[in-house]
Structure formats: structure tokens, C-alpha cells
Amino acid sequence: MAIIAGVLLNYVADESGFSSRTTFYCSFKALTGMTPQTWKQSELH
């Protein structure tokens, strides 16, 4: 996945078609094993 620093996770969730941030976070964690914030931080370092 391409990472763009500064992209808000709420924007990603909305553009991905999720109706709520909570649903996006739960789905993301189920697929990756980490929260979106943790994943984004790990990809930026």
C-alpha cells in the first residue's frame, strides 16, 4: 500500500466505503493484526 504522510485515517475509511470509523478500525485490525495508527507509524519509519 502506498503511504502518504498526513492522510487522515478518517478520510481513508470514508473513501474505502466504511460507514463508520469504528467499523474501519475493526476490519483493519482483523486483517493486519494492528490498528491503522500503528500500521501507519510502522510504514513511515
Protein backbone atom coordinates (compact mmCIF):
# COMPACT_ATOMS: atom_id res chain seq x y z
CA MET A 1 0.00 0.00 0.00
CA ALA A 2 1.24 3.45 -0.79
CA ILE A 3 1.61 5.72 2.20
CA ILE A 4 1.05 9.44 2.00
CA ALA A 5 2.14 11.22 5.16
CA GLY A 6 -0.59 13.43 6.54
CA VAL A 7 -3.54 11.49 5.15
CA LEU A 8 -6.17 11.26 7.85
CA LEU A 9 -7.38 7.78 8.67
CA ASN A 10 -10.96 9.03 8.71
CA TYR A 11 -10.51 10.04 5.07
CA VAL A 12 -9.19 6.59 4.18
CA ALA A 13 -12.09 4.93 5.99
CA ASP A 14 -14.64 7.12 4.21
CA GLU A 15 -13.07 6.67 0.78
CA SER A 16 -12.95 2.90 1.35
CA GLY A 17 -16.70 2.82 1.80
CA PHE A 18 -16.88 2.23 5.55
CA SER A 19 -19.88 3.82 7.22
CA SER A 20 -18.02 4.45 10.47
CA ARG A 21 -14.50 4.82 11.76
CA THR A 22 -15.09 2.03 14.26
CA THR A 23 -16.04 -0.45 11.53
CA PHE A 24 -12.96 0.51 9.54
CA TYR A 25 -10.64 0.15 12.55
CA CYS A 26 -12.07 -3.25 13.50
CA SER A 27 -11.81 -4.55 9.93
CA PHE A 28 -8.29 -3.18 9.52
CA LYS A 29 -7.12 -4.78 12.75
CA ALA A 30 -8.72 -8.12 11.83
CA LEU A 31 -6.83 -8.11 8.50
CA THR A 32 -3.46 -6.75 9.60
CA GLY A 33 -3.24 -7.59 13.30
CA MET A 34 -2.60 -3.95 14.21
CA THR A 35 -4.52 -0.71 14.42
CA PRO A 36 -4.40 1.70 11.48
CA GLN A 37 -2.32 4.16 13.52
CA THR A 38 0.23 1.50 14.46
CA TRP A 39 0.47 0.32 10.87
CA LYS A 40 0.86 3.84 9.51
CA GLN A 41 3.60 4.64 12.05
CA SER A 42 5.46 1.43 11.20
CA GLU A 43 5.31 2.19 7.48
CA LEU A 44 6.56 5.76 7.88
CA HIS A 45 9.68 4.74 9.86
